[in-house]
């Protein structure tokens, strides 16, 4: 899949994202194409003393991060400090190689399944301040410059959608998450049977969600529903 195709697919998913979890899943789906198996996104504008309230998305769940943060504050982690200092994406192992011997405690105290992973961090800066911290890691991921560039573009697109959703002036979608998912796959050209297989539901249930979406959006056909949803309705 080319970079253009990856970003086109992401753009489609982001257009249907109705919450931060949707955005996180969309970005994580992109990262998995390059061998990343875990991901974390933190809204640094909502980060104060503890990481919990600031977590936008975590592929491994929130609890392990909150426990780790209690003993080893996230704000002091070498990766977080690098992200605060520079808006350029970076490879985790390269930062680890640069830190002093005293910093090894950060890795020694990680959960066992995390210690041997490598990955990238994509910071998003707004007005000179770190707004989003996004990290993706895996056991043997693609860490090429192409991947860094593509993931940087993806994360910035995700952040833009996140700000749209957080903006109180942006109308909230009347659709349920499942109705939005069904319409998103219809927009990608999938049949009811194909959508059902992707979402693990029956074609009849797919049609049920799409019909509900048509009613909520005030349209007569699924094509009109897709057009109105993509247009922000």
C-alpha atoms as a PDB file:
ATOM      1  CA  UNK A   1       0.000   0.000   0.000  1.00  0.00           C
ATOM      2  CA  UNK A   2       1.424   3.388  -0.996  1.00  0.00           C
ATOM      3  CA  UNK A   3       1.720   6.337   1.376  1.00  0.00           C
ATOM      4  CA  UNK A   4      -1.074   8.080  -0.520  1.00  0.00           C
ATOM      5  CA  UNK A   5      -3.365   5.080  -0.105  1.00  0.00           C
ATOM      6  CA  UNK A   6      -2.575   4.843   3.608  1.00  0.00           C
ATOM      7  CA  UNK A   7      -3.369   8.509   4.180  1.00  0.00           C
ATOM      8  CA  UNK A   8      -6.499   8.315   2.028  1.00  0.00           C
ATOM      9  CA  UNK A   9      -7.782   5.417   4.123  1.00  0.00           C
ATOM     10  CA  UNK A  10      -6.936   7.302   7.318  1.00  0.00           C
ATOM     11  CA  UNK A  11      -8.725  10.422   6.093  1.00  0.00           C
ATOM     12  CA  UNK A  12     -11.857   8.368   5.491  1.00  0.00           C
ATOM     13  CA  UNK A  13     -11.733   6.899   9.002  1.00  0.00           C
ATOM     14  CA  UNK A  14     -11.058  10.267  10.629  1.00  0.00           C
ATOM     15  CA  UNK A  15     -14.009  11.834   8.828  1.00  0.00           C
ATOM     16  CA  UNK A  16     -16.263   9.355  10.633  1.00  0.00           C
ATOM     17  CA  UNK A  17     -14.498   9.588  14.010  1.00  0.00           C
ATOM     18  CA  UNK A  18     -16.938  10.776  16.663  1.00  0.00           C
ATOM     19  CA  UNK A  19     -14.618  10.649  19.686  1.00  0.00           C
ATOM     20  CA  UNK A  20     -10.964  10.458  20.688  1.00  0.00           C
ATOM     21  CA  UNK A  21     -11.065   6.660  20.897  1.00  0.00           C
ATOM     22  CA  UNK A  22     -12.097   6.503  17.222  1.00  0.00           C
ATOM     23  CA  UNK A  23      -9.156   8.735  16.327  1.00  0.00           C
ATOM     24  CA  UNK A  24      -6.754   6.619  18.356  1.00  0.00           C
ATOM     25  CA  UNK A  25      -7.952   3.403  16.725  1.00  0.00           C
ATOM     26  CA  UNK A  26      -7.583   4.952  13.267  1.00  0.00           C
ATOM     27  CA  UNK A  27      -3.993   6.015  13.955  1.00  0.00           C
ATOM     28  CA  UNK A  28      -3.157   2.679  15.573  1.00  0.00           C
ATOM     29  CA  UNK A  29      -4.505   0.891  12.493  1.00  0.00           C
ATOM     30  CA  UNK A  30      -2.055   2.891  10.374  1.00  0.00           C
ATOM     31  CA  UNK A  31       0.825   2.100  12.727  1.00  0.00           C
ATOM     32  CA  UNK A  32       0.143  -1.643  12.555  1.00  0.00           C
ATOM     33  CA  UNK A  33       0.916  -1.569   8.830  1.00  0.00           C
ATOM     34  CA  UNK A  34       4.532  -0.879   9.845  1.00  0.00           C
ATOM     35  CA  UNK A  35       4.863  -3.503  12.552  1.00  0.00           C
ATOM     36  CA  UNK A  36       3.840  -1.490  15.596  1.00  0.00           C
ATOM     37  CA  UNK A  37       1.857  -3.512  18.123  1.00  0.00           C
ATOM     38  CA  UNK A  38       1.174  -0.957  20.829  1.00  0.00           C
ATOM     39  CA  UNK A  39       0.374   2.723  20.870  1.00  0.00           C
ATOM     40  CA  UNK A  40      -0.195   5.629  23.227  1.00  0.00           C
ATOM     41  CA  UNK A  41      -1.595   9.103  22.607  1.00  0.00           C
ATOM     42  CA  UNK A  42      -1.589  11.723  25.359  1.00  0.00           C
ATOM     43  CA  UNK A  43      -3.287  15.119  25.267  1.00  0.00           C
ATOM     44  CA  UNK A  44      -0.565  17.178  26.914  1.00  0.00           C
ATOM     45  CA  UNK A  45      -2.870  20.198  27.195  1.00  0.00           C
ATOM     46  CA  UNK A  46      -4.888  18.111  29.659  1.00  0.00           C
ATOM     47  CA  UNK A  47      -1.864  16.711  31.503  1.00  0.00           C
ATOM     48  CA  UNK A  48      -1.264  18.090  34.975  1.00  0.00           C
ATOM     49  CA  UNK A  49      -0.062  15.835  37.790  1.00  0.00           C
ATOM     50  CA  UNK A  50      -1.079  12.414  36.493  1.00  0.00           C
ATOM     51  CA  UNK A  51      -1.286  10.828  33.065  1.00  0.00           C
ATOM     52  CA  UNK A  52      -4.719   9.195  33.469  1.00  0.00           C
ATOM     53  CA  UNK A  53      -7.011  12.105  32.547  1.00  0.00           C
ATOM     54  CA  UNK A  54      -4.769  13.034  29.606  1.00  0.00           C
ATOM     55  CA  UNK A  55      -4.796   9.650  27.853  1.00  0.00           C
ATOM     56  CA  UNK A  56      -6.503   9.949  24.482  1.00  0.00           C
ATOM     57  CA  UNK A  57      -5.798   6.370  23.437  1.00  0.00           C
ATOM     58  CA  UNK A  58      -3.864   3.399  24.796  1.00  0.00           C
ATOM     59  CA  UNK A  59      -3.683   0.076  22.968  1.00  0.00           C
ATOM     60  CA  UNK A  60      -2.731  -1.660  26.238  1.00  0.00           C
ATOM     61  CA  UNK A  61      -5.375  -0.028  28.424  1.00  0.00           C
ATOM     62  CA  UNK A  62      -5.046   2.796  30.910  1.00  0.00           C
ATOM     63  CA  UNK A  63      -4.462   0.934  34.188  1.00  0.00           C
ATOM     64  CA  UNK A  64      -0.831  -0.217  33.575  1.00  0.00           C
ATOM     65  CA  UNK A  65       0.158   3.309  32.516  1.00  0.00           C
ATOM     66  CA  UNK A  66      -1.460   4.884  35.551  1.00  0.00           C
ATOM     67  CA  UNK A  67       0.334   2.453  37.867  1.00  0.00           C
ATOM     68  CA  UNK A  68       3.682   3.096  36.185  1.00  0.00           C
ATOM     69  CA  UNK A  69       3.080   6.850  36.268  1.00  0.00           C
ATOM     70  CA  UNK A  70       2.567   6.726  40.029  1.00  0.00           C
ATOM     71  CA  UNK A  71       6.095   5.380  40.565  1.00  0.00           C
ATOM     72  CA  UNK A  72       7.804   6.999  37.594  1.00  0.00           C
ATOM     73  CA  UNK A  73       6.067  10.245  36.507  1.00  0.00           C
ATOM     74  CA  UNK A  74       5.449  10.295  32.775  1.00  0.00           C
ATOM     75  CA  UNK A  75       6.417  13.966  32.523  1.00  0.00           C
ATOM     76  CA  UNK A  76       9.993  13.105  33.529  1.00  0.00           C
ATOM     77  CA  UNK A  77      10.424  10.224  31.095  1.00  0.00           C
ATOM     78  CA  UNK A  78      13.274  10.774  28.598  1.00  0.00           C
ATOM     79  CA  UNK A  79      10.870  10.325  25.669  1.00  0.00           C
ATOM     80  CA  UNK A  80       8.431  12.876  27.076  1.00  0.00           C
ATOM     81  CA  UNK A  81      11.236  15.361  27.696  1.00  0.00           C
ATOM     82  CA  UNK A  82      12.510  14.935  24.128  1.00  0.00           C
ATOM     83  CA  UNK A  83       8.992  15.410  22.768  1.00  0.00           C
ATOM     84  CA  UNK A  84       8.641  18.604  24.795  1.00  0.00           C
ATOM     85  CA  UNK A  85      11.956  19.933  23.510  1.00  0.00           C
ATOM     86  CA  UNK A  86      11.487  19.212  19.799  1.00  0.00           C
ATOM     87  CA  UNK A  87       8.624  18.849  17.354  1.00  0.00           C
ATOM     88  CA  UNK A  88      10.559  16.365  15.215  1.00  0.00           C
ATOM     89  CA  UNK A  89       9.513  12.679  15.366  1.00  0.00           C
ATOM     90  CA  UNK A  90      12.206  10.386  16.753  1.00  0.00           C
ATOM     91  CA  UNK A  91      13.140   6.722  17.183  1.00  0.00           C
ATOM     92  CA  UNK A  92      12.957   5.525  20.784  1.00  0.00           C
ATOM     93  CA  UNK A  93      16.147   3.424  20.738  1.00  0.00           C
ATOM     94  CA  UNK A  94      18.192   6.395  19.538  1.00  0.00           C
ATOM     95  CA  UNK A  95      17.077   8.485  22.491  1.00  0.00           C
ATOM     96  CA  UNK A  96      17.704   5.593  24.842  1.00  0.00           C
ATOM     97  CA  UNK A  97      21.275   5.309  23.527  1.00  0.00           C
ATOM     98  CA  UNK A  98      21.885   8.974  24.296  1.00  0.00           C
ATOM     99  CA  UNK A  99      20.689   9.069  27.922  1.00  0.00           C
ATOM    100  CA  UNK A 100      22.970   8.612  30.909  1.00  0.00           C
ATOM    101  CA  UNK A 101      23.406   5.462  32.967  1.00  0.00           C
ATOM    102  CA  UNK A 102      21.066   6.763  35.653  1.00  0.00           C
ATOM    103  CA  UNK A 103      18.235   6.847  33.151  1.00  0.00           C
ATOM    104  CA  UNK A 104      18.251   3.062  32.707  1.00  0.00           C
ATOM    105  CA  UNK A 105      15.767   2.749  35.557  1.00  0.00           C
ATOM    106  CA  UNK A 106      13.070   3.915  33.146  1.00  0.00           C
ATOM    107  CA  UNK A 107      13.464   0.746  31.091  1.00  0.00           C
ATOM    108  CA  UNK A 108      14.288  -1.628  33.956  1.00  0.00           C
ATOM    109  CA  UNK A 109      10.939  -0.825  35.550  1.00  0.00           C
ATOM    110  CA  UNK A 110       8.826  -1.190  32.422  1.00  0.00           C
ATOM    111  CA  UNK A 111       6.423  -4.141  32.202  1.00  0.00           C
ATOM    112  CA  UNK A 112       8.311  -7.182  30.797  1.00  0.00           C
ATOM    113  CA  UNK A 113       6.396  -7.158  27.487  1.00  0.00           C
ATOM    114  CA  UNK A 114       7.516  -3.563  26.857  1.00  0.00           C
ATOM    115  CA  UNK A 115      11.247  -3.781  27.565  1.00  0.00           C
ATOM    116  CA  UNK A 116      12.365  -5.227  24.244  1.00  0.00           C
ATOM    117  CA  UNK A 117      10.208  -3.032  22.028  1.00  0.00           C
ATOM    118  CA  UNK A 118      11.367  -0.195  19.829  1.00  0.00           C
ATOM    119  CA  UNK A 119       9.330   2.457  18.137  1.00  0.00           C
ATOM    120  CA  UNK A 120       8.760   6.091  17.353  1.00  0.00           C
ATOM    121  CA  UNK A 121       7.385   9.157  19.063  1.00  0.00           C
ATOM    122  CA  UNK A 122       5.566  11.839  17.075  1.00  0.00           C
ATOM    123  CA  UNK A 123       5.148  15.091  19.010  1.00  0.00           C
ATOM    124  CA  UNK A 124       2.593  17.682  17.931  1.00  0.00           C
ATOM    125  CA  UNK A 125       3.490  21.228  18.931  1.00  0.00           C
ATOM    126  CA  UNK A 126       1.097  24.172  18.861  1.00  0.00           C
ATOM    127  CA  UNK A 127       2.417  27.704  19.407  1.00  0.00           C
ATOM    128  CA  UNK A 128       5.731  26.290  20.583  1.00  0.00           C
ATOM    129  CA  UNK A 129       4.201  23.987  23.200  1.00  0.00           C
ATOM    130  CA  UNK A 130       3.744  20.204  23.181  1.00  0.00           C
ATOM    131  CA  UNK A 131       0.052  19.543  22.551  1.00  0.00           C
ATOM    132  CA  UNK A 132       0.043  15.826  21.738  1.00  0.00           C
ATOM    133  CA  UNK A 133       2.454  13.002  22.570  1.00  0.00           C
ATOM    134  CA  UNK A 134       2.022   9.965  20.302  1.00  0.00           C
ATOM    135  CA  UNK A 135       4.152   6.854  20.660  1.00  0.00           C
ATOM    136  CA  UNK A 136       4.008   3.575  18.718  1.00  0.00           C
ATOM    137  CA  UNK A 137       6.193   0.538  19.398  1.00  0.00           C
ATOM    138  CA  UNK A 138       6.688  -3.060  18.323  1.00  0.00           C
ATOM    139  CA  UNK A 139       9.206  -5.880  18.484  1.00  0.00           C
ATOM    140  CA  UNK A 140      10.593  -5.388  14.975  1.00  0.00           C
ATOM    141  CA  UNK A 141       8.829  -2.392  13.378  1.00  0.00           C
ATOM    142  CA  UNK A 142       9.788  -0.456  10.276  1.00  0.00           C
ATOM    143  CA  UNK A 143      11.713   2.551  11.622  1.00  0.00           C
ATOM    144  CA  UNK A 144      12.700   4.056   8.278  1.00  0.00           C
ATOM    145  CA  UNK A 145      12.533   7.763   7.565  1.00  0.00           C
ATOM    146  CA  UNK A 146       9.584   7.062   5.283  1.00  0.00           C
ATOM    147  CA  UNK A 147       7.666   5.557   8.196  1.00  0.00           C
ATOM    148  CA  UNK A 148       8.513   8.495  10.461  1.00  0.00           C
ATOM    149  CA  UNK A 149       7.334  10.949   7.828  1.00  0.00           C
ATOM    150  CA  UNK A 150       4.120   9.061   7.095  1.00  0.00           C
ATOM    151  CA  UNK A 151       3.271   8.531  10.782  1.00  0.00           C
ATOM    152  CA  UNK A 152       4.002  12.196  11.456  1.00  0.00           C
ATOM    153  CA  UNK A 153       1.515  13.212   8.755  1.00  0.00           C
ATOM    154  CA  UNK A 154      -1.033  10.727  10.114  1.00  0.00           C
ATOM    155  CA  UNK A 155      -0.696  11.922  13.718  1.00  0.00           C
ATOM    156  CA  UNK A 156      -1.004  15.575  12.737  1.00  0.00           C
ATOM    157  CA  UNK A 157      -4.156  14.740  10.777  1.00  0.00           C
ATOM    158  CA  UNK A 158      -5.475  12.897  13.826  1.00  0.00           C
ATOM    159  CA  UNK A 159      -4.741  15.863  16.045  1.00  0.00           C
ATOM    160  CA  UNK A 160      -6.575  18.206  13.671  1.00  0.00           C
ATOM    161  CA  UNK A 161      -9.642  15.971  13.865  1.00  0.00           C
ATOM    162  CA  UNK A 162      -9.277  15.770  17.653  1.00  0.00           C
ATOM    163  CA  UNK A 163      -9.354  19.561  17.921  1.00  0.00           C
ATOM    164  CA  UNK A 164     -12.446  19.682  15.704  1.00  0.00           C
ATOM    165  CA  UNK A 165     -14.236  17.294  18.040  1.00  0.00           C
ATOM    166  CA  UNK A 166     -13.081  19.180  21.131  1.00  0.00           C
ATOM    167  CA  UNK A 167     -14.254  22.490  19.728  1.00  0.00           C
ATOM    168  CA  UNK A 168     -17.573  23.270  21.353  1.00  0.00           C
ATOM    169  CA  UNK A 169     -18.763  24.929  18.146  1.00  0.00           C
ATOM    170  CA  UNK A 170     -18.489  21.677  16.221  1.00  0.00           C
ATOM    171  CA  UNK A 171     -21.899  19.955  16.121  1.00  0.00           C
ATOM    172  CA  UNK A 172     -21.824  16.495  17.666  1.00  0.00           C
ATOM    173  CA  UNK A 173     -22.849  13.659  15.403  1.00  0.00           C
ATOM    174  CA  UNK A 174     -26.363  12.319  16.025  1.00  0.00           C
ATOM    175  CA  UNK A 175     -25.137   8.861  15.027  1.00  0.00           C
ATOM    176  CA  UNK A 176     -24.088   6.104  17.400  1.00  0.00           C
ATOM    177  CA  UNK A 177     -20.508   4.782  17.032  1.00  0.00           C
ATOM    178  CA  UNK A 178     -21.815   1.615  15.342  1.00  0.00           C
ATOM    179  CA  UNK A 179     -23.984   3.572  12.879  1.00  0.00           C
ATOM    180  CA  UNK A 180     -20.974   5.704  12.019  1.00  0.00           C
ATOM    181  CA  UNK A 181     -18.799   2.611  11.506  1.00  0.00           C
ATOM    182  CA  UNK A 182     -21.346   1.047   9.155  1.00  0.00           C
ATOM    183  CA  UNK A 183     -21.583   4.217   7.078  1.00  0.00           C
ATOM    184  CA  UNK A 184     -17.803   4.537   6.961  1.00  0.00           C
ATOM    185  CA  UNK A 185     -17.444   1.069   5.438  1.00  0.00           C
ATOM    186  CA  UNK A 186     -20.321   1.735   3.026  1.00  0.00           C
ATOM    187  CA  UNK A 187     -18.423   4.857   1.954  1.00  0.00           C
ATOM    188  CA  UNK A 188     -15.455   2.586   1.219  1.00  0.00           C
ATOM    189  CA  UNK A 189     -17.634   0.582  -1.159  1.00  0.00           C
ATOM    190  CA  UNK A 190     -18.291  -2.408   1.097  1.00  0.00           C
ATOM    191  CA  UNK A 191     -21.510  -4.427   0.823  1.00  0.00           C
ATOM    192  CA  UNK A 192     -23.686  -5.215   3.849  1.00  0.00           C
ATOM    193  CA  UNK A 193     -22.209  -8.718   3.927  1.00  0.00           C
ATOM    194  CA  UNK A 194     -18.640  -7.381   3.854  1.00  0.00           C
ATOM    195  CA  UNK A 195     -19.389  -4.777   6.519  1.00  0.00           C
ATOM    196  CA  UNK A 196     -20.931  -7.473   8.691  1.00  0.00           C
ATOM    197  CA  UNK A 197     -17.808  -9.629   8.439  1.00  0.00           C
ATOM    198  CA  UNK A 198     -15.557  -6.685   9.311  1.00  0.00           C
ATOM    199  CA  UNK A 199     -17.624  -5.658  12.346  1.00  0.00           C
ATOM    200  CA  UNK A 200     -18.622  -9.159  13.440  1.00  0.00           C
ATOM    201  CA  UNK A 201     -22.356  -8.581  12.990  1.00  0.00           C
ATOM    202  CA  UNK A 202     -24.994  -9.900  10.581  1.00  0.00           C
ATOM    203  CA  UNK A 203     -25.874  -8.147   7.280  1.00  0.00           C
ATOM    204  CA  UNK A 204     -29.358  -7.622   8.710  1.00  0.00           C
ATOM    205  CA  UNK A 205     -27.891  -5.749  11.674  1.00  0.00           C
ATOM    206  CA  UNK A 206     -25.791  -3.669   9.287  1.00  0.00           C
ATOM    207  CA  UNK A 207     -28.940  -2.658   7.418  1.00  0.00           C
ATOM    208  CA  UNK A 208     -30.641  -1.878  10.732  1.00  0.00           C
ATOM    209  CA  UNK A 209     -27.849   0.540  11.708  1.00  0.00           C
ATOM    210  CA  UNK A 210     -27.783   2.155   8.267  1.00  0.00           C
ATOM    211  CA  UNK A 211     -31.576   2.649   8.291  1.00  0.00           C
ATOM    212  CA  UNK A 212     -31.302   4.262  11.733  1.00  0.00           C
ATOM    213  CA  UNK A 213     -28.580   6.542  10.393  1.00  0.00           C
ATOM    214  CA  UNK A 214     -30.786   7.575   7.448  1.00  0.00           C
ATOM    215  CA  UNK A 215     -33.608   8.492   9.831  1.00  0.00           C
ATOM    216  CA  UNK A 216     -31.307  10.494  12.110  1.00  0.00           C
ATOM    217  CA  UNK A 217     -29.733  12.317   9.171  1.00  0.00           C
ATOM    218  CA  UNK A 218     -33.095  12.979   7.512  1.00  0.00           C
ATOM    219  CA  UNK A 219     -32.291  11.326   4.188  1.00  0.00           C
ATOM    220  CA  UNK A 220     -33.917   8.671   2.029  1.00  0.00           C
ATOM    221  CA  UNK A 221     -30.966   6.644   0.732  1.00  0.00           C
ATOM    222  CA  UNK A 222     -27.695   5.318   2.092  1.00  0.00           C
ATOM    223  CA  UNK A 223     -25.759   7.268  -0.538  1.00  0.00           C
ATOM    224  CA  UNK A 224     -27.333  10.481   0.772  1.00  0.00           C
ATOM    225  CA  UNK A 225     -26.478   9.372   4.324  1.00  0.00           C
ATOM    226  CA  UNK A 226     -22.830   8.839   3.384  1.00  0.00           C
ATOM    227  CA  UNK A 227     -22.655  12.184   1.599  1.00  0.00           C
ATOM    228  CA  UNK A 228     -24.223  14.043   4.513  1.00  0.00           C
ATOM    229  CA  UNK A 229     -22.015  12.266   7.081  1.00  0.00           C
ATOM    230  CA  UNK A 230     -18.810  13.015   5.169  1.00  0.00           C
ATOM    231  CA  UNK A 231     -19.981  16.605   4.741  1.00  0.00           C
ATOM    232  CA  UNK A 232     -20.289  17.008   8.475  1.00  0.00           C
ATOM    233  CA  UNK A 233     -23.995  16.340   8.922  1.00  0.00           C
END
